[in-house]
Protein backbone atom coordinates (compact mmCIF):
# COMPACT_ATOMS: atom_id res chain seq x y z
CA MET A 1 0.00 0.00 0.00
CA THR A 2 2.91 2.35 0.74
CA LEU A 3 4.26 1.95 -2.78
CA ALA A 4 0.87 2.52 -4.41
CA SER A 5 0.04 5.57 -2.30
CA GLU A 6 3.44 7.23 -2.72
CA VAL A 7 3.84 6.62 -6.46
CA CYS A 8 0.22 6.96 -7.69
CA ASP A 9 0.96 6.89 -11.44
CA TRP A 10 3.68 4.38 -12.35
CA ARG A 11 3.64 5.42 -16.01
CA ARG A 12 5.38 8.69 -15.19
CA PHE A 13 8.64 6.75 -14.91
CA PRO A 14 9.86 5.89 -18.43
CA ALA A 15 12.38 3.31 -17.16
CA ALA A 16 13.23 1.38 -14.02
CA GLY A 17 16.26 3.61 -13.45
CA ALA A 18 14.01 6.65 -13.21
CA PHE A 19 11.93 4.93 -10.52
CA MET A 20 15.10 3.94 -8.66
CA GLY A 21 16.19 7.58 -8.77
CA PHE A 22 12.81 8.65 -7.40
CA CYS A 23 13.38 6.27 -4.50
CA GLY A 24 16.92 7.55 -3.90
CA LEU A 25 18.48 4.18 -4.69
CA VAL A 26 20.99 5.38 -7.27
CA PRO A 27 24.69 6.06 -6.63
CA CYS A 28 25.96 9.60 -6.44
CA GLU A 29 28.58 10.54 -9.00
CA TYR A 30 31.75 12.57 -8.78
CA SER A 31 32.90 13.60 -12.25
CA SER A 32 35.82 15.70 -13.39
CA GLY A 33 36.94 15.65 -16.99
CA GLU A 34 37.06 12.05 -18.17
CA ARG A 35 37.22 10.64 -14.65
CA THR A 36 33.99 9.35 -13.15
CA ARG A 37 33.59 7.86 -9.70
CA ARG A 38 30.39 6.57 -8.19
CA GLY A 39 29.82 6.73 -4.46
CA HIS A 40 27.14 5.89 -1.93
CA ILE A 41 23.42 6.01 -2.71
CA THR A 42 22.05 9.51 -2.93
CA HIS A 43 19.20 9.33 -0.38
CA ALA A 44 17.72 12.20 -2.41
CA GLY A 45 14.50 10.37 -3.20
CA ASN A 46 11.32 9.47 -1.41
CA LEU A 47 12.18 8.34 2.13
CA HIS A 48 9.00 6.30 2.61
CA LEU A 49 9.53 4.29 -0.57
CA ARG A 50 13.22 3.73 0.11
CA THR A 51 12.52 2.58 3.67
CA GLN A 52 9.82 0.17 2.51
CA LEU A 53 12.03 -1.31 -0.21
CA VAL A 54 15.00 -1.71 2.15
CA GLU A 55 12.84 -3.34 4.82
CA SER A 56 11.41 -5.68 2.18
CA ALA A 57 14.90 -6.52 0.92
CA TRP A 58 15.83 -7.99 4.30
CA ALA A 59 13.35 -10.82 3.64
CA TYR A 60 15.54 -12.10 0.81
CA LYS A 61 18.25 -13.30 3.19
CA SER A 62 16.10 -16.39 3.94
CA HIS A 63 15.65 -19.32 1.61
CA PRO A 64 12.79 -18.95 -0.87
CA SER A 65 9.64 -20.83 0.05
CA VAL A 66 5.88 -20.67 -0.35
CA GLY A 67 4.13 -20.94 2.99
CA ALA A 68 0.47 -21.60 3.67
CA ALA A 69 -0.49 -17.91 3.72
CA ILE A 70 1.25 -17.20 0.40
CA ALA A 71 -0.28 -20.33 -1.16
CA ARG A 72 -3.77 -19.04 -0.22
CA ARG A 73 -2.95 -15.71 -1.87
CA HIS A 74 -2.00 -17.55 -5.05
CA ASP A 75 -5.57 -18.85 -5.45
CA GLY A 76 -7.20 -17.12 -8.40
CA LEU A 77 -3.98 -15.56 -9.74
CA ALA A 78 -2.80 -16.13 -13.27
CA PRO A 79 -0.02 -18.73 -13.53
CA GLU A 80 2.18 -16.19 -15.35
CA VAL A 81 2.03 -13.83 -12.37
CA ILE A 82 2.96 -16.60 -9.95
CA ALA A 83 5.83 -17.67 -12.22
CA ARG A 84 7.22 -14.11 -12.44
CA ALA A 85 6.94 -13.69 -8.67
CA TRP A 86 8.76 -16.98 -8.06
CA ALA A 87 11.49 -16.05 -10.59
CA ALA A 88 11.99 -12.74 -8.79
CA GLN A 89 12.11 -14.53 -5.44
CA LEU A 90 14.76 -16.96 -6.67
CA ARG A 91 16.84 -14.25 -8.32
CA LEU A 92 16.80 -11.90 -5.33
CA THR A 93 17.57 -14.57 -2.73
CA GLY A 94 20.39 -15.93 -4.87
CA ARG A 95 21.80 -12.47 -5.43
CA PHE A 96 21.57 -11.73 -1.71
CA ARG A 97 23.62 -14.86 -0.93
CA ARG A 98 26.25 -14.13 -3.59
CA LEU A 99 26.68 -10.51 -2.52
CA ASP A 100 26.67 -11.41 1.16
CA ALA A 101 29.56 -13.80 0.58
CA ARG A 102 31.61 -11.03 -1.09
CA LYS A 103 30.74 -7.88 0.85
CA THR A 104 31.75 -7.03 4.39
CA SER A 105 28.69 -4.91 5.16
CA ARG A 106 25.27 -6.50 5.01
CA ASN A 107 23.71 -3.02 4.73
CA ILE A 108 25.37 -2.60 1.34
CA VAL A 109 23.96 -5.96 0.26
CA VAL A 110 20.45 -5.03 1.40
CA THR A 111 20.63 -1.69 -0.43
CA ALA A 112 21.65 -3.45 -3.65
CA ILE A 113 18.77 -5.90 -3.27
CA ALA A 114 16.35 -3.03 -2.57
CA ARG A 115 17.49 -1.33 -5.78
CA GLU A 116 16.90 -4.49 -7.80
CA LEU A 117 13.55 -5.03 -6.08
CA ALA A 118 12.56 -1.52 -7.15
CA GLY A 119 13.26 -2.53 -10.73
CA PHE A 120 11.07 -5.63 -10.42
CA VAL A 121 8.24 -3.65 -8.85
CA TRP A 122 8.42 -1.01 -11.58
CA ALA A 123 8.36 -3.70 -14.27
CA GLU A 124 5.30 -5.39 -12.77
CA MET A 125 3.40 -2.16 -12.27
CA THR A 126 4.02 -0.91 -15.82
CA SER A 127 3.45 -4.20 -17.67
CA ASP A 128 0.30 -4.33 -19.74
């Protein structure tokens, strides 16, 4: 509900990157001449959306599964929707594990997962 109430019209974002920028989940950039360096995330976007996405990203540290409550929610949904949701679940949990093995800070991992989750959400909300 937070995402729907904060964004309202998803079509105003022409690409997933624009939505990520709106959420403040894009890296800041330091440029001088031909040298470009990217830094931490900007935090310049919508705080409510960013917080919701980051909190949701923490769920991807667990193994993917479909519990009883989720299985009940699947009743009546199109099989394509369930398949896309499961593919996103597998991709994000796998990416969380791979990044967690490489990075020293779990907060960096969660932020990266939140950014990718924002892309998935944008894609689902703008698909016809």
